[in-house]
Every structure is written in C-alpha cells, then in structure tokens.
Amino acid sequence: MGVTTMTIRNVDEALKTRLRVRAAQHGRSMEDEARDILRSALSAEAPRGRSLVEAIRARMAPLGDVDLELPVREAIRNPPDLT
C-alpha cells in the first residue's frame, strides 16, 4: 500500500482547535488524529438511502390515498400492412 501526502488548506480556526483538543484527549498528534478520523469515516459502509419509490410514498402519505378510475383498455389493433 502506497503512502500519500495530503495538504488541507483553509481550515477554520475553530475546527483546528477542536482537532487539537481531540488529539490531545487521545494522546496523539493532530496528524494522527486526522488520519484516524478519515480512516473511521471512510471505512464504514455508506448508509443506503431509501429507494425512489419509498421516498415518493413517504412524501405523499400525508396527503392521503387517491383512487384513480382506470380507463377500459381497448383491444390491440392489427398493425398496418405496408407491403
């Protein structure tokens, strides 16, 4: 496994302070703490969201059910003779 160097710019000072405190609480450097946070966050499998159908049903459920009248289907036509 290769090792890569990464630089993160424009980190908010409050966030940097929180990282420093958290690293101190765990007895490690800020760099080690950041690595551990990334490893933990990215090793877990991403939570699977609802399917589109489930999301639509959840969104429409408060509106109540709607009964639609289905039209009577007609017989299938024979295709035209193009010869």
Protein backbone atom coordinates (compact mmCIF):
# COMPACT_ATOMS: atom_id res chain seq x y z
CA MET A 1 0.00 0.00 0.00
CA GLY A 2 1.46 3.34 -1.03
CA VAL A 3 1.71 6.34 1.25
CA THR A 4 0.37 9.68 0.07
CA THR A 5 0.91 13.15 1.45
CA MET A 6 -2.10 15.42 1.62
CA THR A 7 -2.35 19.11 2.48
CA ILE A 8 -5.62 20.63 3.65
CA ARG A 9 -5.81 24.39 3.28
CA ASN A 10 -8.23 26.98 4.67
CA VAL A 11 -9.19 25.02 7.79
CA ASP A 12 -11.36 27.10 10.10
CA GLU A 13 -9.51 28.05 13.29
CA ALA A 14 -12.30 26.66 15.50
CA LEU A 15 -12.14 23.33 13.66
CA LYS A 16 -8.37 23.23 14.02
CA THR A 17 -8.72 23.89 17.76
CA ARG A 18 -11.25 21.08 18.11
CA LEU A 19 -8.90 18.72 16.27
CA ARG A 20 -6.01 19.75 18.53
CA VAL A 21 -8.11 19.11 21.68
CA ARG A 22 -9.41 15.78 20.40
CA ALA A 23 -5.88 14.68 19.50
CA ALA A 24 -4.67 15.62 22.99
CA GLN A 25 -7.54 13.67 24.57
CA HIS A 26 -6.46 10.59 22.60
CA GLY A 27 -2.76 11.18 23.26
CA ARG A 28 -1.70 11.61 19.66
CA SER A 29 -0.66 14.27 17.19
CA MET A 30 -3.16 16.29 15.17
CA GLU A 31 -1.95 14.49 12.07
CA ASP A 32 -2.53 11.05 13.62
CA GLU A 33 -5.95 12.16 14.84
CA ALA A 34 -6.92 13.44 11.38
CA ARG A 35 -5.78 10.13 9.85
CA ASP A 36 -7.85 8.19 12.38
CA ILE A 37 -10.92 10.35 11.72
CA LEU A 38 -10.58 9.81 7.95
CA ARG A 39 -9.99 6.08 8.38
CA SER A 40 -13.06 5.71 10.62
CA ALA A 41 -15.30 7.82 8.42
CA LEU A 42 -14.32 6.09 5.19
CA SER A 43 -14.05 2.50 6.38
CA ALA A 44 -17.71 2.26 7.34
CA GLU A 45 -20.06 1.36 4.55
CA ALA A 46 -22.10 4.30 3.36
CA PRO A 47 -25.68 4.16 4.64
CA ARG A 48 -28.09 3.17 1.96
CA GLY A 49 -30.88 5.63 1.39
CA ARG A 50 -34.45 4.87 0.58
CA SER A 51 -35.39 3.88 -2.92
CA LEU A 52 -37.09 6.46 -5.08
CA VAL A 53 -40.42 4.67 -4.67
CA GLU A 54 -40.12 4.67 -0.87
CA ALA A 55 -39.19 8.36 -0.87
CA ILE A 56 -42.19 9.27 -3.05
CA ARG A 57 -44.57 7.20 -0.92
CA ALA A 58 -43.28 8.82 2.27
CA ARG A 59 -43.71 12.27 0.73
CA MET A 60 -47.25 11.57 -0.49
CA ALA A 61 -48.55 9.59 2.52
CA PRO A 62 -49.67 12.68 4.50
CA LEU A 63 -51.89 13.69 1.57
CA GLY A 64 -53.98 10.53 1.82
CA ASP A 65 -54.90 7.89 -0.70
CA VAL A 66 -56.25 8.70 -4.12
CA ASP A 67 -58.38 6.24 -6.06
CA LEU A 68 -57.97 6.69 -9.77
CA GLU A 69 -60.50 5.38 -12.20
CA LEU A 70 -58.70 3.30 -14.77
CA PRO A 71 -59.99 3.56 -18.34
CA VAL A 72 -61.18 0.42 -20.06
CA ARG A 73 -58.48 -0.95 -22.29
CA GLU A 74 -59.22 -1.43 -25.93
CA ALA A 75 -58.18 -4.44 -27.95
CA ILE A 76 -54.80 -4.21 -29.67
CA ARG A 77 -55.07 -3.12 -33.29
CA ASN A 78 -53.57 -5.17 -36.06
CA PRO A 79 -50.50 -3.47 -37.50
CA PRO A 80 -50.97 -1.89 -40.94
CA ASP A 81 -49.89 -3.91 -43.95
CA LEU A 82 -47.02 -1.98 -45.51
CA THR A 83 -46.42 -4.27 -48.48
